[in-house]
Amino acid sequence: MNLILDVGNTRNKLAVFSENQLLKKYTCNPGDTLDTLNQIYSDYPEIDSCILASVGVLPESVLDLLKERSPVVILDSETRVPFNNGYGSPATLGVDRIALASAAATIYPNNNTLVIDAGSCITYDFISEGNTYMGGAISPGIKMRYKALNDYTANLPLLEPELPLVSTGTDTVSSIQSGVLQAVVFEMEGFISMYREKYADLTVILTGGDAHFLRDSLKSDIFANSNFLLEGLNFILEYNKH
């Protein structure tokens, strides 16, 4: 039984898998990670493998507990993965993007796949039909865009994203909502269109914490999968058992 720990910039995600089946998923604040782990180990004493992917800060006490309970794969650029890495600077490729590429290569082998992860940042990752990770793009996430408008102006308020999308804002609040969310949608449609001009058989995956704001607003054909990164981490862990 596998334990997956994804340490993010603002929240931590944990999951328990039995081989490739997701049994349960948890989300917690960084300060609650140790308590969440203790609860997971109590509920699933059969856990015998673990993978850790971190783009945030993880206390030593959490890492110590993980190592006490089972072997831990700490994901980095040297970890064995189920795809060929064609990135120009593989040592700088984020562990989140490595996990997403692993999911794409495993679930959609020999496909041209674009993975869009709408989180703190929006990442675009392209995996070719030869199962080679080619790279992609990084842009500011939805909340980062709202925060930038508030931080760099004197009078614009800090807002949270709201649905439904409006095409024309009729006051400051609705204008910001329209500007931020529609800009993200147009950006995503533009990337999808650009890749589809080159790869007519392109598979597009949308994932990440803000995917639910965008899924129904995109006109392009996509597959939405909120667990894509966790599944990718589990695939890497299974891959490194052999």
Protein backbone atom coordinates (compact mmCIF):
# COMPACT_ATOMS: atom_id res chain seq x y z
CA MET A 1 0.00 0.00 0.00
CA ASN A 2 1.39 3.38 -1.04
CA LEU A 3 1.41 6.75 0.71
CA ILE A 4 1.69 9.83 -1.52
CA LEU A 5 2.69 13.21 -0.08
CA ASP A 6 2.58 16.30 -2.29
CA VAL A 7 3.90 19.34 -0.42
CA GLY A 8 2.68 22.48 -2.16
CA ASN A 9 3.17 26.21 -1.76
CA THR A 10 0.05 26.72 0.37
CA ARG A 11 -1.53 23.30 1.01
CA ASN A 12 -0.34 19.72 1.32
CA LYS A 13 -2.08 16.82 -0.39
CA LEU A 14 -1.80 13.24 0.80
CA ALA A 15 -3.24 10.07 -0.69
CA VAL A 16 -3.32 6.35 -0.09
CA PHE A 17 -3.17 3.96 -3.06
CA SER A 18 -3.45 0.23 -3.29
CA GLU A 19 -1.35 -0.42 -6.41
CA ASN A 20 -3.03 1.98 -8.88
CA GLN A 21 -6.33 2.40 -7.05
CA LEU A 22 -6.85 5.61 -5.07
CA LEU A 23 -8.33 4.70 -1.70
CA LYS A 24 -8.47 8.09 0.00
CA LYS A 25 -7.25 11.66 -0.49
CA TYR A 26 -6.50 14.28 2.16
CA THR A 27 -5.75 18.01 2.00
CA CYS A 28 -4.33 19.93 4.95
CA ASN A 29 -2.51 23.09 5.99
CA PRO A 30 1.26 22.63 6.41
CA GLY A 31 0.98 22.89 10.19
CA ASP A 32 -1.49 20.00 10.29
CA THR A 33 0.61 17.58 8.24
CA LEU A 34 1.99 15.59 11.17
CA ASP A 35 -1.47 15.04 12.69
CA THR A 36 -2.86 14.06 9.28
CA LEU A 37 -0.05 11.56 8.77
CA ASN A 38 -0.63 9.97 12.17
CA GLN A 39 -4.32 9.58 11.32
CA ILE A 40 -3.48 8.00 7.95
CA TYR A 41 -1.05 5.51 9.52
CA SER A 42 -3.72 4.64 12.08
CA ASP A 43 -6.34 4.07 9.36
CA TYR A 44 -3.98 2.27 6.95
CA PRO A 45 -1.32 0.33 8.92
CA GLU A 46 -0.57 -1.69 5.75
CA ILE A 47 1.29 1.26 4.16
CA ASP A 48 4.74 -0.01 3.19
CA SER A 49 5.94 2.50 0.57
CA CYS A 50 5.99 6.27 0.32
CA ILE A 51 6.87 8.99 -2.16
CA LEU A 52 7.44 12.64 -1.27
CA ALA A 53 7.28 15.51 -3.77
CA SER A 54 7.87 18.95 -2.33
CA VAL A 55 7.82 22.45 -3.77
CA GLY A 56 7.20 23.92 -0.30
CA VAL A 57 8.71 23.61 3.16
CA LEU A 58 8.48 20.30 5.03
CA PRO A 59 9.39 20.12 8.75
CA GLU A 60 12.05 17.56 9.70
CA SER A 61 9.58 15.95 12.10
CA VAL A 62 7.35 14.97 9.17
CA LEU A 63 10.25 13.52 7.18
CA ASP A 64 11.44 11.60 10.25
CA LEU A 65 8.00 10.03 10.69
CA LEU A 66 7.84 9.01 7.04
CA LYS A 67 11.25 7.33 7.22
CA GLU A 68 10.35 5.54 10.44
CA ARG A 69 7.32 3.91 8.84
CA SER A 70 8.59 2.82 5.41
CA PRO A 71 11.16 3.44 2.67
CA VAL A 72 10.66 6.90 1.13
CA VAL A 73 11.30 7.94 -2.47
CA ILE A 74 12.09 11.66 -2.41
CA LEU A 75 11.30 12.85 -5.91
CA ASP A 76 13.96 14.90 -7.68
CA SER A 77 15.57 15.12 -11.12
CA GLU A 78 17.57 11.93 -10.50
CA THR A 79 14.55 9.73 -9.70
CA ARG A 80 13.71 7.04 -12.26
CA VAL A 81 10.55 8.03 -14.18
CA PRO A 82 8.44 6.34 -16.87
CA PHE A 83 9.23 8.86 -19.61
CA ASN A 84 12.21 10.27 -21.48
CA ASN A 85 13.22 13.71 -20.25
CA GLY A 86 13.98 16.02 -23.15
CA TYR A 87 13.93 19.22 -21.07
CA GLY A 88 16.86 21.53 -21.71
CA SER A 89 17.70 21.84 -18.00
CA PRO A 90 16.36 18.62 -16.43
CA ALA A 91 17.79 19.45 -13.00
CA THR A 92 15.49 22.51 -12.79
CA LEU A 93 12.27 20.72 -13.78
CA GLY A 94 9.82 20.98 -10.88
CA VAL A 95 8.71 17.80 -9.15
CA ASP A 96 5.07 18.69 -9.82
CA ARG A 97 5.74 18.78 -13.55
CA ILE A 98 7.70 15.51 -13.34
CA ALA A 99 4.68 13.88 -11.69
CA LEU A 100 2.26 15.24 -14.31
CA ALA A 101 4.48 14.01 -17.14
CA SER A 102 4.66 10.58 -15.49
CA ALA A 103 0.86 10.39 -15.33
CA ALA A 104 0.54 11.40 -18.98
CA ALA A 105 3.17 8.89 -20.12
CA THR A 106 1.55 6.07 -18.14
CA ILE A 107 -2.16 6.73 -18.76
CA TYR A 108 -1.77 7.95 -22.37
CA PRO A 109 1.30 6.07 -23.68
CA ASN A 110 2.42 6.89 -27.22
CA ASN A 111 0.06 9.90 -27.37
CA ASN A 112 0.80 13.58 -27.88
CA THR A 113 -0.45 14.96 -24.57
CA LEU A 114 -0.73 18.48 -23.17
CA VAL A 115 -1.24 18.69 -19.41
CA ILE A 116 -2.59 21.98 -18.02
CA ASP A 117 -2.23 22.31 -14.25
CA ALA A 118 -4.21 25.25 -12.82
CA GLY A 119 -2.68 25.80 -9.40
CA SER A 120 -0.60 28.53 -7.74
CA CYS A 121 0.97 28.83 -11.18
CA ILE A 122 -0.54 27.55 -14.42
CA THR A 123 1.79 25.08 -16.07
CA TYR A 124 1.60 23.64 -19.56
CA ASP A 125 3.52 20.40 -20.12
CA PHE A 126 3.83 18.60 -23.43
CA ILE A 127 4.68 14.90 -23.70
CA SER A 128 5.22 13.60 -27.24
CA GLU A 129 3.91 10.36 -28.71
CA GLY A 130 7.39 8.94 -28.16
CA ASN A 131 6.86 9.38 -24.40
CA THR A 132 9.38 12.21 -24.32
CA TYR A 133 8.80 15.23 -22.12
CA MET A 134 9.45 18.25 -24.35
CA GLY A 135 8.80 21.17 -21.97
CA GLY A 136 6.01 23.71 -21.90
CA ALA A 137 5.21 27.00 -20.20
CA ILE A 138 4.59 28.58 -16.80
CA SER A 139 2.27 31.53 -16.17
CA PRO A 140 0.71 33.17 -13.08
CA GLY A 141 -2.17 31.29 -11.48
CA ILE A 142 -5.63 32.73 -10.90
CA LYS A 143 -5.10 33.84 -7.30
CA MET A 144 -1.70 35.29 -8.18
CA ARG A 145 -3.38 37.48 -10.80
CA TYR A 146 -5.97 38.78 -8.36
CA LYS A 147 -3.22 39.48 -5.82
CA ALA A 148 -1.10 41.32 -8.40
CA LEU A 149 -3.98 43.68 -9.25
CA ASN A 150 -4.42 44.48 -5.55
CA ASP A 151 -0.69 44.74 -4.75
CA TYR A 152 0.31 46.96 -7.67
CA THR A 153 -2.60 49.40 -7.66
CA ALA A 154 -3.91 51.82 -5.05
CA ASN A 155 -7.64 51.22 -5.41
CA LEU A 156 -8.37 47.78 -6.84
CA PRO A 157 -9.76 45.31 -4.25
CA LEU A 158 -8.45 41.81 -3.57
CA LEU A 159 -11.07 39.39 -4.87
CA GLU A 160 -11.70 35.66 -4.95
CA PRO A 161 -12.71 33.98 -8.22
CA GLU A 162 -16.44 33.70 -8.83
CA LEU A 163 -18.59 31.90 -11.34
CA PRO A 164 -20.28 32.27 -13.74
CA LEU A 165 -17.88 34.09 -16.02
CA VAL A 166 -19.18 37.38 -17.36
CA SER A 167 -18.09 38.72 -20.73
CA THR A 168 -18.51 42.40 -19.90
CA GLY A 169 -17.91 43.80 -16.42
CA THR A 170 -20.40 46.49 -15.41
CA ASP A 171 -18.52 47.67 -12.31
CA THR A 172 -15.02 47.36 -10.86
CA VAL A 173 -15.60 44.01 -9.20
CA SER A 174 -17.21 42.34 -12.21
CA SER A 175 -14.59 43.91 -14.51
CA ILE A 176 -11.80 42.31 -12.49
CA GLN A 177 -13.64 38.99 -12.44
CA SER A 178 -14.11 39.14 -16.19
CA GLY A 179 -10.56 40.26 -16.87
CA VAL A 180 -8.81 37.65 -14.74
CA LEU A 181 -10.89 34.57 -15.44
CA GLN A 182 -11.51 35.18 -19.12
CA ALA A 183 -7.85 36.01 -19.69
CA VAL A 184 -6.95 32.61 -18.21
CA VAL A 185 -9.53 30.86 -20.39
CA PHE A 186 -8.31 32.66 -23.53
CA GLU A 187 -4.72 31.82 -22.61
CA MET A 188 -5.51 28.14 -22.22
CA GLU A 189 -7.51 28.05 -25.46
CA GLY A 190 -4.57 29.71 -27.20
CA PHE A 191 -2.08 27.12 -25.97
CA ILE A 192 -4.41 24.26 -26.89
CA SER A 193 -4.95 25.72 -30.36
CA MET A 194 -1.21 26.23 -30.87
CA TYR A 195 -0.42 22.60 -30.02
CA ARG A 196 -3.36 21.26 -32.04
CA GLU A 197 -2.06 23.04 -35.14
CA LYS A 198 1.05 20.85 -34.84
CA TYR A 199 -0.52 17.71 -33.38
CA ALA A 200 -4.05 16.99 -34.63
CA ASP A 201 -4.36 13.96 -32.34
CA LEU A 202 -3.53 15.93 -29.19
CA THR A 203 -4.94 14.76 -25.84
CA VAL A 204 -5.50 17.60 -23.35
CA ILE A 205 -5.69 17.08 -19.59
CA LEU A 206 -6.87 19.79 -17.18
CA THR A 207 -5.99 19.39 -13.52
CA GLY A 208 -5.10 21.45 -10.45
CA GLY A 209 -6.94 23.22 -7.65
CA ASP A 210 -8.56 25.83 -9.93
CA ALA A 211 -9.61 23.42 -12.67
CA HIS A 212 -13.24 23.51 -11.49
CA PHE A 213 -13.40 27.24 -12.31
CA LEU A 214 -12.28 26.63 -15.85
CA ARG A 215 -13.49 23.20 -16.95
CA ASP A 216 -16.92 24.24 -18.22
CA SER A 217 -15.66 27.50 -19.72
CA LEU A 218 -13.17 25.89 -22.10
CA LYS A 219 -14.59 25.16 -25.54
CA SER A 220 -11.78 22.78 -26.47
CA ASP A 221 -12.09 19.03 -25.95
CA ILE A 222 -10.37 18.20 -22.67
CA PHE A 223 -10.26 15.53 -19.97
CA ALA A 224 -10.54 16.91 -16.44
CA ASN A 225 -8.78 14.89 -13.75
CA SER A 226 -8.29 16.48 -10.32
CA ASN A 227 -6.08 13.59 -9.14
CA PHE A 228 -3.68 13.56 -12.09
CA LEU A 229 -0.62 14.72 -10.12
CA LEU A 230 -1.25 12.25 -7.26
CA GLU A 231 -1.68 9.45 -9.79
CA GLY A 232 1.60 10.46 -11.42
CA LEU A 233 3.42 10.29 -8.10
CA ASN A 234 1.96 6.85 -7.46
CA PHE A 235 3.09 5.68 -10.91
CA ILE A 236 6.63 6.89 -10.12
CA LEU A 237 6.60 5.05 -6.80
CA GLU A 238 5.42 1.82 -8.48
CA TYR A 239 8.01 2.29 -11.25
CA ASN A 240 10.80 2.50 -8.69
CA LYS A 241 9.76 -0.75 -6.98
CA HIS A 242 10.99 -2.76 -9.98
